[in-house]
Amino acid sequence: MFIRPAAAFRWSRSPSGGTCPYTLTKSEKNGIANYLIHIDQNRSYAELYDNPQITALFGQLIDQLQPDVLHAHCLQDIGAGVLQTAKARGLPVVLSVHDFWWICDRQFMIRVNQRYCGQDPVRIENCRSCAENFSAARTRFDIWRPRPPMPMSLHTPASSP
């Protein structure tokens, strides 16, 4: 069975070298291509979870590289739009979830007092004391709660062998 070399996609905040935000940089090591999207450090809160500029660049990469599958994880600062873009192009998506970024403004469900939140299910009203900007957190929650990305396969620490 022949397996094509993988194209690695990763993101980075704009380095201090003056790279323009939302530009692509390609590097290669051991025959594996690596694409960096330089992220604007002054983006809005909403662009942490839904960034149309990154989604568009990612769509261009998918069109250019024609991958067989997207394995995504750690989508903070990139936005979940990349999953929707892949799905719209018929690309199977495998999503590895390492934390509670999808449902928790603080990412790990650890309250300000350093205790585990333990909400199951999460009710955004209970996050008022934790979220730095509750109104923004509520908007984010309301956007993603009814229409979460539906990957072909979802992997969480609890689902690992």
N, C-alpha and C. Protein backbone atom coordinates (compact mmCIF):
# COMPACT_ATOMS: atom_id res chain seq x y z
N MET A 1 0.84 -1.18 0.00
CA MET A 1 0.00 0.00 0.00
C MET A 1 0.89 1.24 0.00
N PHE A 2 0.61 2.15 -0.90
CA PHE A 2 1.39 3.38 -1.01
C PHE A 2 0.68 4.50 -0.27
N ILE A 3 1.41 5.20 0.56
CA ILE A 3 0.87 6.34 1.29
C ILE A 3 1.60 7.58 0.81
N ARG A 4 0.83 8.57 0.33
CA ARG A 4 1.44 9.82 -0.12
C ARG A 4 2.09 10.53 1.05
N PRO A 5 3.16 11.27 0.79
CA PRO A 5 3.73 12.08 1.86
C PRO A 5 2.69 13.09 2.36
N ALA A 6 2.71 13.33 3.63
CA ALA A 6 1.74 14.24 4.24
C ALA A 6 2.16 15.69 4.04
N ALA A 7 1.17 16.55 3.96
CA ALA A 7 1.41 17.99 3.98
C ALA A 7 0.97 18.48 5.35
N ALA A 8 1.88 19.02 6.09
CA ALA A 8 1.55 19.48 7.43
C ALA A 8 1.06 20.92 7.36
N PHE A 9 0.02 21.20 8.07
CA PHE A 9 -0.51 22.56 8.14
C PHE A 9 -0.41 23.01 9.58
N ARG A 10 0.20 24.13 9.81
CA ARG A 10 0.23 24.67 11.16
C ARG A 10 0.09 26.17 11.08
N TRP A 11 -0.20 26.77 12.18
CA TRP A 11 -0.41 28.21 12.23
C TRP A 11 0.60 28.83 13.16
N SER A 12 0.76 30.11 13.01
CA SER A 12 1.67 30.84 13.88
C SER A 12 1.20 32.28 13.99
N ARG A 13 1.43 32.86 15.12
CA ARG A 13 1.21 34.31 15.22
C ARG A 13 2.31 34.97 14.41
N SER A 14 2.03 36.15 13.91
CA SER A 14 3.03 36.83 13.08
C SER A 14 4.32 36.99 13.85
N PRO A 15 5.40 36.46 13.32
CA PRO A 15 6.69 36.60 14.00
C PRO A 15 7.16 38.05 13.97
N SER A 16 8.10 38.35 14.81
CA SER A 16 8.60 39.72 14.91
C SER A 16 9.36 40.17 13.67
N GLY A 17 9.54 39.29 12.70
CA GLY A 17 10.27 39.63 11.49
C GLY A 17 9.50 40.50 10.51
N GLY A 18 8.32 40.95 10.88
CA GLY A 18 7.57 41.85 10.03
C GLY A 18 6.74 41.16 8.97
N THR A 19 6.48 39.86 9.12
CA THR A 19 5.65 39.15 8.17
C THR A 19 4.23 39.69 8.23
N CYS A 20 3.65 39.93 7.09
CA CYS A 20 2.29 40.47 7.03
C CYS A 20 1.28 39.44 7.52
N PRO A 21 0.30 39.88 8.31
CA PRO A 21 -0.74 38.96 8.74
C PRO A 21 -1.49 38.37 7.55
N TYR A 22 -1.92 37.14 7.72
CA TYR A 22 -2.71 36.40 6.74
C TYR A 22 -1.94 36.16 5.44
N THR A 23 -0.65 35.92 5.59
CA THR A 23 0.15 35.46 4.46
C THR A 23 0.60 34.04 4.76
N LEU A 24 0.89 33.29 3.71
CA LEU A 24 1.35 31.92 3.85
C LEU A 24 2.85 31.84 3.67
N THR A 25 3.48 31.02 4.47
CA THR A 25 4.89 30.71 4.32
C THR A 25 5.01 29.19 4.22
N LYS A 26 5.76 28.72 3.23
CA LYS A 26 5.96 27.29 3.06
C LYS A 26 7.42 26.95 3.38
N SER A 27 7.58 25.88 4.12
CA SER A 27 8.92 25.34 4.35
C SER A 27 8.83 23.83 4.14
N GLU A 28 9.98 23.19 4.04
CA GLU A 28 9.98 21.76 3.81
C GLU A 28 11.12 21.12 4.59
N LYS A 29 10.84 19.97 5.19
CA LYS A 29 11.87 19.23 5.90
C LYS A 29 11.58 17.74 5.68
N ASN A 30 12.60 17.01 5.28
CA ASN A 30 12.49 15.57 5.03
C ASN A 30 11.35 15.25 4.06
N GLY A 31 11.13 16.12 3.08
CA GLY A 31 10.11 15.89 2.08
C GLY A 31 8.69 16.19 2.53
N ILE A 32 8.52 16.70 3.73
CA ILE A 32 7.20 17.04 4.24
C ILE A 32 7.03 18.56 4.18
N ALA A 33 6.01 19.00 3.47
CA ALA A 33 5.73 20.43 3.34
C ALA A 33 5.01 20.93 4.59
N ASN A 34 5.37 22.11 5.02
CA ASN A 34 4.77 22.74 6.18
C ASN A 34 4.31 24.13 5.78
N TYR A 35 3.03 24.43 6.00
CA TYR A 35 2.47 25.72 5.63
C TYR A 35 2.09 26.49 6.89
N LEU A 36 2.63 27.68 7.02
CA LEU A 36 2.33 28.56 8.15
C LEU A 36 1.40 29.67 7.69
N ILE A 37 0.32 29.88 8.41
CA ILE A 37 -0.50 31.07 8.19
C ILE A 37 -0.16 32.02 9.32
N HIS A 38 0.33 33.17 8.96
CA HIS A 38 0.70 34.16 9.96
C HIS A 38 -0.57 34.89 10.40
N ILE A 39 -0.82 34.87 11.69
CA ILE A 39 -2.07 35.40 12.24
C ILE A 39 -1.88 36.81 12.77
N ASP A 40 -2.85 37.65 12.51
CA ASP A 40 -2.84 39.02 13.00
C ASP A 40 -2.97 39.01 14.51
N GLN A 41 -2.02 39.60 15.20
CA GLN A 41 -2.05 39.64 16.66
C GLN A 41 -3.14 40.56 17.19
N ASN A 42 -3.68 41.42 16.35
CA ASN A 42 -4.69 42.38 16.79
C ASN A 42 -6.09 41.97 16.34
N ARG A 43 -6.31 40.67 16.16
CA ARG A 43 -7.63 40.23 15.71
C ARG A 43 -8.64 40.32 16.86
N SER A 44 -9.89 40.26 16.48
CA SER A 44 -10.96 40.36 17.46
C SER A 44 -11.15 39.03 18.19
N TYR A 45 -11.90 39.07 19.27
CA TYR A 45 -12.24 37.86 20.00
C TYR A 45 -12.96 36.87 19.08
N ALA A 46 -13.89 37.37 18.29
CA ALA A 46 -14.65 36.51 17.38
C ALA A 46 -13.74 35.78 16.40
N GLU A 47 -12.63 36.40 16.00
CA GLU A 47 -11.71 35.78 15.04
C GLU A 47 -10.90 34.64 15.65
N LEU A 48 -10.99 34.45 16.96
CA LEU A 48 -10.34 33.30 17.59
C LEU A 48 -11.06 32.00 17.25
N TYR A 49 -12.37 32.09 17.03
CA TYR A 49 -13.15 30.88 16.76
C TYR A 49 -13.82 30.89 15.40
N ASP A 50 -13.82 32.03 14.72
CA ASP A 50 -14.40 32.12 13.38
C ASP A 50 -13.65 33.21 12.63
N ASN A 51 -12.65 32.82 11.86
CA ASN A 51 -11.80 33.79 11.18
C ASN A 51 -11.92 33.59 9.67
N PRO A 52 -12.75 34.41 9.01
CA PRO A 52 -12.97 34.23 7.57
C PRO A 52 -11.68 34.30 6.73
N GLN A 53 -10.72 35.10 7.15
CA GLN A 53 -9.47 35.20 6.38
C GLN A 53 -8.68 33.90 6.43
N ILE A 54 -8.61 33.29 7.61
CA ILE A 54 -7.91 32.01 7.73
C ILE A 54 -8.69 30.92 7.00
N THR A 55 -10.00 30.94 7.13
CA THR A 55 -10.83 29.95 6.44
C THR A 55 -10.60 30.01 4.93
N ALA A 56 -10.55 31.21 4.37
CA ALA A 56 -10.32 31.37 2.93
C ALA A 56 -8.94 30.86 2.53
N LEU A 57 -7.91 31.21 3.31
CA LEU A 57 -6.55 30.72 3.00
C LEU A 57 -6.48 29.21 3.10
N PHE A 58 -7.15 28.66 4.09
CA PHE A 58 -7.15 27.22 4.26
C PHE A 58 -7.85 26.54 3.09
N GLY A 59 -8.94 27.13 2.62
CA GLY A 59 -9.63 26.60 1.44
C GLY A 59 -8.72 26.58 0.23
N GLN A 60 -7.92 27.64 0.06
CA GLN A 60 -6.97 27.69 -1.04
C GLN A 60 -5.94 26.56 -0.92
N LEU A 61 -5.48 26.31 0.31
CA LEU A 61 -4.52 25.22 0.53
C LEU A 61 -5.14 23.86 0.18
N ILE A 62 -6.36 23.65 0.60
CA ILE A 62 -7.04 22.39 0.28
C ILE A 62 -7.14 22.22 -1.23
N ASP A 63 -7.54 23.29 -1.92
CA ASP A 63 -7.67 23.22 -3.37
C ASP A 63 -6.33 22.94 -4.04
N GLN A 64 -5.28 23.55 -3.52
CA GLN A 64 -3.94 23.39 -4.10
C GLN A 64 -3.36 22.01 -3.81
N LEU A 65 -3.47 21.54 -2.57
CA LEU A 65 -2.81 20.31 -2.16
C LEU A 65 -3.62 19.05 -2.43
N GLN A 66 -4.94 19.17 -2.53
CA GLN A 66 -5.83 18.03 -2.76
C GLN A 66 -5.55 16.89 -1.78
N PRO A 67 -5.60 17.16 -0.47
CA PRO A 67 -5.33 16.08 0.49
C PRO A 67 -6.44 15.04 0.50
N ASP A 68 -6.13 13.87 1.05
CA ASP A 68 -7.10 12.79 1.15
C ASP A 68 -7.96 12.90 2.39
N VAL A 69 -7.43 13.52 3.41
CA VAL A 69 -8.13 13.64 4.69
C VAL A 69 -7.56 14.83 5.45
N LEU A 70 -8.37 15.43 6.29
CA LEU A 70 -7.90 16.48 7.18
C LEU A 70 -7.92 15.94 8.60
N HIS A 71 -6.77 15.95 9.25
CA HIS A 71 -6.70 15.62 10.67
C HIS A 71 -6.44 16.93 11.39
N ALA A 72 -7.42 17.39 12.12
CA ALA A 72 -7.33 18.70 12.76
C ALA A 72 -7.34 18.55 14.28
N HIS A 73 -6.62 19.43 14.91
CA HIS A 73 -6.68 19.58 16.36
C HIS A 73 -6.10 20.93 16.72
N CYS A 74 -6.38 21.37 17.92
CA CYS A 74 -5.89 22.68 18.41
C CYS A 74 -6.29 23.80 17.45
N LEU A 75 -7.57 24.01 17.28
CA LEU A 75 -8.06 25.02 16.35
C LEU A 75 -8.17 26.41 16.96
N GLN A 76 -7.74 26.57 18.20
CA GLN A 76 -7.74 27.89 18.81
C GLN A 76 -6.96 28.85 17.93
N ASP A 77 -7.46 30.04 17.77
CA ASP A 77 -6.87 31.09 16.94
C ASP A 77 -7.04 30.86 15.44
N ILE A 78 -7.38 29.66 15.03
CA ILE A 78 -7.61 29.37 13.62
C ILE A 78 -9.09 29.49 13.32
N GLY A 79 -9.88 28.88 14.15
CA GLY A 79 -11.32 28.89 13.97
C GLY A 79 -11.82 27.59 13.38
N ALA A 80 -13.01 27.25 13.75
CA ALA A 80 -13.61 25.99 13.30
C ALA A 80 -14.09 26.06 11.85
N GLY A 81 -13.99 27.22 11.22
CA GLY A 81 -14.37 27.34 9.82
C GLY A 81 -13.57 26.43 8.91
N VAL A 82 -12.36 26.06 9.33
CA VAL A 82 -11.55 25.17 8.50
C VAL A 82 -12.22 23.80 8.37
N LEU A 83 -12.94 23.37 9.41
CA LEU A 83 -13.64 22.09 9.34
C LEU A 83 -14.80 22.17 8.36
N GLN A 84 -15.52 23.28 8.40
CA GLN A 84 -16.64 23.46 7.48
C GLN A 84 -16.15 23.57 6.03
N THR A 85 -15.00 24.22 5.84
CA THR A 85 -14.42 24.35 4.51
C THR A 85 -14.04 22.97 3.96
N ALA A 86 -13.41 22.16 4.78
CA ALA A 86 -13.04 20.80 4.35
C ALA A 86 -14.29 19.99 4.01
N LYS A 87 -15.28 20.06 4.87
CA LYS A 87 -16.51 19.30 4.64
C LYS A 87 -17.21 19.75 3.36
N ALA A 88 -17.22 21.06 3.10
CA ALA A 88 -17.85 21.59 1.89
C ALA A 88 -17.17 21.08 0.63
N ARG A 89 -15.89 20.72 0.74
CA ARG A 89 -15.15 20.21 -0.41
C ARG A 89 -15.15 18.68 -0.46
N GLY A 90 -15.91 18.05 0.42
CA GLY A 90 -16.01 16.60 0.43
C GLY A 90 -14.81 15.92 1.05
N LEU A 91 -14.01 16.66 1.80
CA LEU A 91 -12.80 16.11 2.41
C LEU A 91 -13.15 15.50 3.77
N PRO A 92 -12.86 14.23 3.99
CA PRO A 92 -13.12 13.63 5.30
C PRO A 92 -12.31 14.34 6.39
N VAL A 93 -12.92 14.50 7.55
CA VAL A 93 -12.29 15.23 8.65
C VAL A 93 -12.19 14.32 9.87
N VAL A 94 -11.00 14.25 10.43
CA VAL A 94 -10.75 13.60 11.71
C VAL A 94 -10.38 14.71 12.67
N LEU A 95 -11.09 14.80 13.77
CA LEU A 95 -10.86 15.85 14.75
C LEU A 95 -10.38 15.25 16.06
N SER A 96 -9.22 15.67 16.53
CA SER A 96 -8.71 15.25 17.84
C SER A 96 -8.93 16.42 18.80
N VAL A 97 -9.66 16.15 19.85
CA VAL A 97 -9.99 17.18 20.83
C VAL A 97 -9.15 16.94 22.09
N HIS A 98 -8.40 17.95 22.50
CA HIS A 98 -7.52 17.83 23.64
C HIS A 98 -8.00 18.57 24.87
N ASP A 99 -9.03 19.38 24.70
CA ASP A 99 -9.50 20.22 25.79
C ASP A 99 -10.96 20.59 25.54
N PHE A 100 -11.46 21.58 26.26
CA PHE A 100 -12.87 21.97 26.16
C PHE A 100 -13.04 23.29 25.41
N TRP A 101 -12.10 23.62 24.51
CA TRP A 101 -12.15 24.89 23.80
C TRP A 101 -13.50 25.14 23.13
N TRP A 102 -14.13 24.10 22.64
CA TRP A 102 -15.39 24.25 21.92
C TRP A 102 -16.50 24.79 22.81
N ILE A 103 -16.45 24.49 24.09
CA ILE A 103 -17.57 24.84 24.97
C ILE A 103 -17.19 25.71 26.15
N CYS A 104 -15.91 25.97 26.37
CA CYS A 104 -15.48 26.71 27.56
C CYS A 104 -14.58 27.88 27.16
N ASP A 105 -14.97 29.06 27.57
CA ASP A 105 -14.20 30.26 27.26
C ASP A 105 -12.80 30.20 27.87
N ARG A 106 -12.65 29.49 28.97
CA ARG A 106 -11.34 29.35 29.63
C ARG A 106 -10.58 28.11 29.14
N GLN A 107 -11.15 27.37 28.24
CA GLN A 107 -10.56 26.25 27.52
C GLN A 107 -10.49 24.93 28.30
N PHE A 108 -10.27 24.95 29.59
CA PHE A 108 -10.06 23.70 30.33
C PHE A 108 -11.12 23.43 31.39
N MET A 109 -12.20 24.22 31.41
CA MET A 109 -13.26 24.09 32.40
C MET A 109 -12.70 24.18 33.83
N ILE A 110 -11.71 25.02 34.01
CA ILE A 110 -11.15 25.30 35.33
C ILE A 110 -11.60 26.71 35.70
N ARG A 111 -12.31 26.81 36.79
CA ARG A 111 -12.81 28.12 37.24
C ARG A 111 -11.66 29.02 37.68
N VAL A 112 -11.96 30.28 37.88
CA VAL A 112 -10.97 31.25 38.32
C VAL A 112 -10.35 30.82 39.65
N ASN A 113 -11.12 30.12 40.50
CA ASN A 113 -10.60 29.66 41.79
C ASN A 113 -9.79 28.36 41.67
N GLN A 114 -9.47 27.96 40.42
CA GLN A 114 -8.65 26.79 40.10
C GLN A 114 -9.35 25.46 40.38
N ARG A 115 -10.67 25.44 40.50
CA ARG A 115 -11.42 24.21 40.67
C ARG A 115 -12.12 23.83 39.37
N TYR A 116 -12.26 22.54 39.17
CA TYR A 116 -12.91 22.04 37.97
C TYR A 116 -14.36 22.47 37.95
N CYS A 117 -14.82 22.91 36.82
CA CYS A 117 -16.18 23.40 36.65
C CYS A 117 -17.21 22.27 36.78
N GLY A 118 -17.00 21.20 36.05
CA GLY A 118 -17.86 20.03 36.16
C GLY A 118 -19.24 20.14 35.54
N GLN A 119 -19.51 21.16 34.75
CA GLN A 119 -20.82 21.27 34.12
C GLN A 119 -21.00 20.15 33.09
N ASP A 120 -22.15 19.51 33.15
CA ASP A 120 -22.47 18.48 32.17
C ASP A 120 -23.99 18.34 32.11
N PRO A 121 -24.62 18.99 31.16
CA PRO A 121 -24.08 19.77 30.06
C PRO A 121 -23.70 21.18 30.50
N VAL A 122 -22.91 21.84 29.67
CA VAL A 122 -22.50 23.21 29.96
C VAL A 122 -23.69 24.14 29.72
N ARG A 123 -23.94 24.99 30.69
CA ARG A 123 -24.95 26.05 30.56
C ARG A 123 -24.21 27.37 30.67
N ILE A 124 -24.21 28.11 29.59
CA ILE A 124 -23.40 29.33 29.50
C ILE A 124 -23.73 30.31 30.62
N GLU A 125 -24.94 30.31 31.12
CA GLU A 125 -25.31 31.22 32.22
C GLU A 125 -24.42 31.00 33.45
N ASN A 126 -23.96 29.77 33.64
CA ASN A 126 -23.11 29.44 34.79
C ASN A 126 -21.67 29.90 34.59
N CYS A 127 -21.35 30.42 33.42
CA CYS A 127 -19.98 30.83 33.10
C CYS A 127 -19.75 32.32 33.37
N ARG A 128 -20.75 32.99 33.84
CA ARG A 128 -20.69 34.44 34.04
C ARG A 128 -19.50 34.86 34.91
N SER A 129 -19.19 34.11 35.94
CA SER A 129 -18.10 34.50 36.84
C SER A 129 -16.71 34.13 36.30
N CYS A 130 -16.65 33.28 35.28
CA CYS A 130 -15.36 32.84 34.73
C CYS A 130 -14.94 33.57 33.47
N ALA A 131 -15.89 33.82 32.59
CA ALA A 131 -15.57 34.41 31.30
C ALA A 131 -15.13 35.85 31.48
N GLU A 132 -14.03 36.19 30.83
CA GLU A 132 -13.50 37.55 30.91
C GLU A 132 -14.49 38.56 30.33
N ASN A 133 -15.12 38.18 29.22
CA ASN A 133 -16.13 39.02 28.59
C ASN A 133 -17.34 38.11 28.35
N PHE A 134 -18.26 38.10 29.29
CA PHE A 134 -19.38 37.16 29.23
C PHE A 134 -20.21 37.35 27.97
N SER A 135 -20.45 38.57 27.55
CA SER A 135 -21.24 38.82 26.36
C SER A 135 -20.60 38.18 25.13
N ALA A 136 -19.28 38.34 24.98
CA ALA A 136 -18.56 37.73 23.86
C ALA A 136 -18.57 36.21 23.97
N ALA A 137 -18.39 35.69 25.19
CA ALA A 137 -18.40 34.24 25.39
C ALA A 137 -19.77 33.66 25.06
N ARG A 138 -20.81 34.38 25.43
CA ARG A 138 -22.17 33.91 25.12
C ARG A 138 -22.40 33.88 23.61
N THR A 139 -21.95 34.91 22.91
CA THR A 139 -22.11 34.94 21.45
C THR A 139 -21.39 33.75 20.83
N ARG A 140 -20.16 33.51 21.26
CA ARG A 140 -19.38 32.37 20.74
C ARG A 140 -20.12 31.05 21.02
N PHE A 141 -20.59 30.89 22.23
CA PHE A 141 -21.30 29.68 22.64
C PHE A 141 -22.57 29.50 21.81
N ASP A 142 -23.33 30.57 21.64
CA ASP A 142 -24.59 30.51 20.90
C ASP A 142 -24.36 30.19 19.43
N ILE A 143 -23.24 30.64 18.87
CA ILE A 143 -22.93 30.36 17.47
C ILE A 143 -22.59 28.89 17.28
N TRP A 144 -21.76 28.31 18.15
CA TRP A 144 -21.28 26.96 17.94
C TRP A 144 -22.14 25.88 18.57
N ARG A 145 -22.90 26.20 19.57
CA ARG A 145 -23.71 25.18 20.26
C ARG A 145 -24.70 24.50 19.31
N PRO A 146 -25.50 25.25 18.53
CA PRO A 146 -26.48 24.56 17.69
C PRO A 146 -25.92 23.92 16.43
N ARG A 147 -24.71 24.31 16.03
CA ARG A 147 -24.17 23.76 14.78
C ARG A 147 -22.70 23.42 14.92
N PRO A 148 -22.38 22.46 15.78
CA PRO A 148 -20.97 22.08 15.91
C PRO A 148 -20.48 21.40 14.64
N PRO A 149 -19.18 21.51 14.37
CA PRO A 149 -18.64 20.81 13.20
C PRO A 149 -18.82 19.30 13.37
N MET A 150 -19.15 18.63 12.30
CA MET A 150 -19.40 17.20 12.36
C MET A 150 -18.29 16.46 11.62
N PRO A 151 -17.25 16.08 12.33
CA PRO A 151 -16.16 15.36 11.67
C PRO A 151 -16.55 13.92 11.35
N MET A 152 -15.77 13.33 10.45
CA MET A 152 -15.95 11.92 10.10
C MET A 152 -15.61 11.06 11.34
N SER A 153 -14.61 11.51 12.08
CA SER A 153 -14.15 10.78 13.25
C SER A 153 -13.74 11.79 14.31
N LEU A 154 -14.13 11.55 15.55
CA LEU A 154 -13.80 12.43 16.66
C LEU A 154 -13.01 11.64 17.68
N HIS A 155 -11.85 12.19 18.07
CA HIS A 155 -10.99 11.52 19.04
C HIS A 155 -10.78 12.43 20.24
N THR A 156 -11.05 11.89 21.40
CA THR A 156 -10.83 12.62 22.65
C THR A 156 -9.91 11.77 23.52
N PRO A 157 -9.32 12.35 24.56
CA PRO A 157 -8.47 11.52 25.43
C PRO A 157 -9.21 10.30 25.96
N ALA A 158 -10.49 10.43 26.25
CA ALA A 158 -11.25 9.30 26.77
C ALA A 158 -11.49 8.22 25.71
N SER A 159 -11.42 8.59 24.43
CA SER A 159 -11.67 7.61 23.38
C SER A 159 -10.39 6.93 22.88
N SER A 160 -9.25 7.34 23.41
CA SER A 160 -7.98 6.74 23.00
C SER A 160 -7.84 5.35 23.59
N PRO A 161 -7.16 4.46 22.87
CA PRO A 161 -6.98 3.08 23.38
C PRO A 161 -6.08 3.05 24.60
